[in-house]
Amino acid sequence: MKKRRLKRWVKVVLTLVVIYISFFIWKQAGIVGRLSQTSDFYLVMCWLTWIYLLIGQVFIYKKIWE
């Protein structure tokens, strides 16, 4: 099966969308961090948020630009 390649402008648009989503998640991380002091559910959400922000984006960018 032939692998399809994304055009350069599509890669740029996808990268900008990921940056926008990551900025939104980063803004919400403060709220989730405050809520995590009283609830274990929000503590897990806080951990997942920071794992995505620190590691997850690298994998997404790698998939887009390879």
N, C-alpha and C. Protein backbone atom coordinates (compact mmCIF):
# COMPACT_ATOMS: atom_id res chain seq x y z
N MET A 1 0.84 -1.18 0.00
CA MET A 1 0.00 0.00 0.00
C MET A 1 0.88 1.24 0.00
N LYS A 2 0.57 2.17 -0.88
CA LYS A 2 1.37 3.38 -1.02
C LYS A 2 1.06 4.36 0.10
N LYS A 3 2.13 4.91 0.68
CA LYS A 3 1.98 5.88 1.75
C LYS A 3 1.72 7.26 1.15
N ARG A 4 0.74 7.96 1.66
CA ARG A 4 0.43 9.29 1.16
C ARG A 4 1.21 10.33 1.94
N ARG A 5 1.67 11.35 1.27
CA ARG A 5 2.43 12.43 1.88
C ARG A 5 1.56 13.68 1.98
N LEU A 6 1.74 14.40 3.06
CA LEU A 6 1.03 15.66 3.22
C LEU A 6 1.80 16.77 2.51
N LYS A 7 1.05 17.71 1.94
CA LYS A 7 1.70 18.85 1.32
C LYS A 7 2.23 19.78 2.40
N ARG A 8 3.18 20.61 2.04
CA ARG A 8 3.84 21.47 3.01
C ARG A 8 2.86 22.42 3.69
N TRP A 9 1.92 22.99 2.96
CA TRP A 9 0.99 23.94 3.57
C TRP A 9 0.07 23.24 4.57
N VAL A 10 -0.25 21.97 4.32
CA VAL A 10 -1.08 21.20 5.25
C VAL A 10 -0.29 20.93 6.53
N LYS A 11 0.99 20.64 6.40
CA LYS A 11 1.83 20.42 7.57
C LYS A 11 1.91 21.68 8.42
N VAL A 12 2.05 22.84 7.77
CA VAL A 12 2.12 24.10 8.50
C VAL A 12 0.81 24.37 9.22
N VAL A 13 -0.31 24.14 8.56
CA VAL A 13 -1.62 24.36 9.18
C VAL A 13 -1.81 23.41 10.37
N LEU A 14 -1.47 22.15 10.21
CA LEU A 14 -1.60 21.19 11.31
C LEU A 14 -0.70 21.57 12.48
N THR A 15 0.50 22.05 12.20
CA THR A 15 1.40 22.49 13.25
C THR A 15 0.82 23.67 14.01
N LEU A 16 0.24 24.63 13.30
CA LEU A 16 -0.39 25.78 13.96
C LEU A 16 -1.59 25.36 14.80
N VAL A 17 -2.36 24.38 14.33
CA VAL A 17 -3.50 23.87 15.10
C VAL A 17 -3.01 23.21 16.39
N VAL A 18 -1.94 22.42 16.30
CA VAL A 18 -1.40 21.76 17.49
C VAL A 18 -0.87 22.80 18.48
N ILE A 19 -0.22 23.85 17.98
CA ILE A 19 0.27 24.91 18.86
C ILE A 19 -0.89 25.60 19.55
N TYR A 20 -1.96 25.89 18.81
CA TYR A 20 -3.14 26.54 19.40
C TYR A 20 -3.78 25.65 20.47
N ILE A 21 -3.95 24.38 20.18
CA ILE A 21 -4.54 23.45 21.14
C ILE A 21 -3.65 23.32 22.38
N SER A 22 -2.35 23.26 22.18
CA SER A 22 -1.43 23.16 23.31
C SER A 22 -1.47 24.40 24.18
N PHE A 23 -1.60 25.57 23.56
CA PHE A 23 -1.72 26.81 24.34
C PHE A 23 -3.00 26.80 25.17
N PHE A 24 -4.10 26.32 24.58
CA PHE A 24 -5.36 26.23 25.30
C PHE A 24 -5.24 25.26 26.48
N ILE A 25 -4.61 24.12 26.26
CA ILE A 25 -4.42 23.14 27.33
C ILE A 25 -3.53 23.73 28.42
N TRP A 26 -2.50 24.46 28.04
CA TRP A 26 -1.61 25.08 29.02
C TRP A 26 -2.36 26.09 29.89
N LYS A 27 -3.26 26.87 29.26
CA LYS A 27 -4.05 27.82 30.03
C LYS A 27 -4.98 27.11 31.01
N GLN A 28 -5.53 25.96 30.64
CA GLN A 28 -6.43 25.21 31.50
C GLN A 28 -5.68 24.44 32.58
N ALA A 29 -4.38 24.23 32.40
CA ALA A 29 -3.59 23.46 33.37
C ALA A 29 -3.57 24.15 34.74
N GLY A 30 -3.60 25.46 34.77
CA GLY A 30 -3.63 26.17 36.04
C GLY A 30 -4.91 25.92 36.81
N ILE A 31 -6.02 25.90 36.11
CA ILE A 31 -7.31 25.63 36.75
C ILE A 31 -7.35 24.20 37.26
N VAL A 32 -6.89 23.27 36.44
CA VAL A 32 -6.87 21.86 36.84
C VAL A 32 -5.91 21.65 38.02
N GLY A 33 -4.81 22.39 38.03
CA GLY A 33 -3.86 22.28 39.12
C GLY A 33 -4.46 22.72 40.45
N ARG A 34 -5.26 23.79 40.41
CA ARG A 34 -5.93 24.23 41.64
C ARG A 34 -6.95 23.21 42.10
N LEU A 35 -7.67 22.62 41.17
CA LEU A 35 -8.69 21.62 41.52
C LEU A 35 -8.06 20.31 42.00
N SER A 36 -6.83 20.05 41.57
CA SER A 36 -6.19 18.78 41.94
C SER A 36 -5.82 18.72 43.42
N GLN A 37 -5.85 19.84 44.11
CA GLN A 37 -5.53 19.84 45.53
C GLN A 37 -6.62 19.17 46.35
N THR A 38 -7.82 19.06 45.78
CA THR A 38 -8.93 18.48 46.53
C THR A 38 -9.47 17.20 45.94
N SER A 39 -9.04 16.81 44.74
CA SER A 39 -9.63 15.65 44.08
C SER A 39 -8.55 14.84 43.36
N ASP A 40 -8.61 13.53 43.52
CA ASP A 40 -7.66 12.65 42.84
C ASP A 40 -7.90 12.62 41.33
N PHE A 41 -9.14 12.77 40.90
CA PHE A 41 -9.44 12.80 39.47
C PHE A 41 -8.71 13.95 38.79
N TYR A 42 -8.76 15.13 39.39
CA TYR A 42 -8.09 16.29 38.81
C TYR A 42 -6.57 16.18 38.93
N LEU A 43 -6.09 15.44 39.92
CA LEU A 43 -4.66 15.21 40.02
C LEU A 43 -4.17 14.38 38.83
N VAL A 44 -4.92 13.35 38.47
CA VAL A 44 -4.57 12.54 37.29
C VAL A 44 -4.66 13.38 36.03
N MET A 45 -5.70 14.21 35.92
CA MET A 45 -5.84 15.09 34.76
C MET A 45 -4.67 16.06 34.66
N CYS A 46 -4.21 16.56 35.80
CA CYS A 46 -3.07 17.47 35.82
C CYS A 46 -1.81 16.77 35.32
N TRP A 47 -1.58 15.55 35.78
CA TRP A 47 -0.42 14.78 35.33
C TRP A 47 -0.48 14.52 33.82
N LEU A 48 -1.65 14.12 33.34
CA LEU A 48 -1.79 13.85 31.90
C LEU A 48 -1.59 15.11 31.08
N THR A 49 -2.06 16.23 31.59
CA THR A 49 -1.88 17.50 30.89
C THR A 49 -0.40 17.82 30.73
N TRP A 50 0.36 17.71 31.80
CA TRP A 50 1.78 18.05 31.72
C TRP A 50 2.57 17.02 30.92
N ILE A 51 2.16 15.76 30.96
CA ILE A 51 2.84 14.76 30.12
C ILE A 51 2.62 15.08 28.65
N TYR A 52 1.39 15.47 28.29
CA TYR A 52 1.14 15.85 26.91
C TYR A 52 1.96 17.09 26.53
N LEU A 53 1.97 18.08 27.40
CA LEU A 53 2.66 19.32 27.07
C LEU A 53 4.17 19.12 26.95
N LEU A 54 4.74 18.20 27.72
CA LEU A 54 6.18 18.01 27.68
C LEU A 54 6.63 16.96 26.66
N ILE A 55 5.83 15.91 26.45
CA ILE A 55 6.27 14.80 25.60
C ILE A 55 5.36 14.60 24.39
N GLY A 56 4.07 14.72 24.59
CA GLY A 56 3.11 14.38 23.54
C GLY A 56 3.25 15.19 22.27
N GLN A 57 3.57 16.47 22.42
CA GLN A 57 3.70 17.31 21.25
C GLN A 57 4.84 16.87 20.34
N VAL A 58 5.91 16.39 20.94
CA VAL A 58 7.05 15.95 20.15
C VAL A 58 6.65 14.82 19.22
N PHE A 59 5.88 13.87 19.72
CA PHE A 59 5.44 12.75 18.89
C PHE A 59 4.48 13.21 17.80
N ILE A 60 3.62 14.16 18.11
CA ILE A 60 2.69 14.67 17.11
C ILE A 60 3.44 15.39 16.00
N TYR A 61 4.39 16.26 16.37
CA TYR A 61 5.17 16.96 15.36
C TYR A 61 5.99 16.01 14.52
N LYS A 62 6.52 14.97 15.16
CA LYS A 62 7.30 13.97 14.41
C LYS A 62 6.44 13.28 13.36
N LYS A 63 5.21 12.91 13.75
CA LYS A 63 4.29 12.26 12.80
C LYS A 63 3.90 13.18 11.66
N ILE A 64 3.71 14.46 11.96
CA ILE A 64 3.32 15.42 10.92
C ILE A 64 4.47 15.64 9.93
N TRP A 65 5.67 15.84 10.44
CA TRP A 65 6.79 16.27 9.59
C TRP A 65 7.67 15.15 9.06
N GLU A 66 7.40 13.90 9.38
CA GLU A 66 8.26 12.84 8.84
C GLU A 66 7.94 12.51 7.42
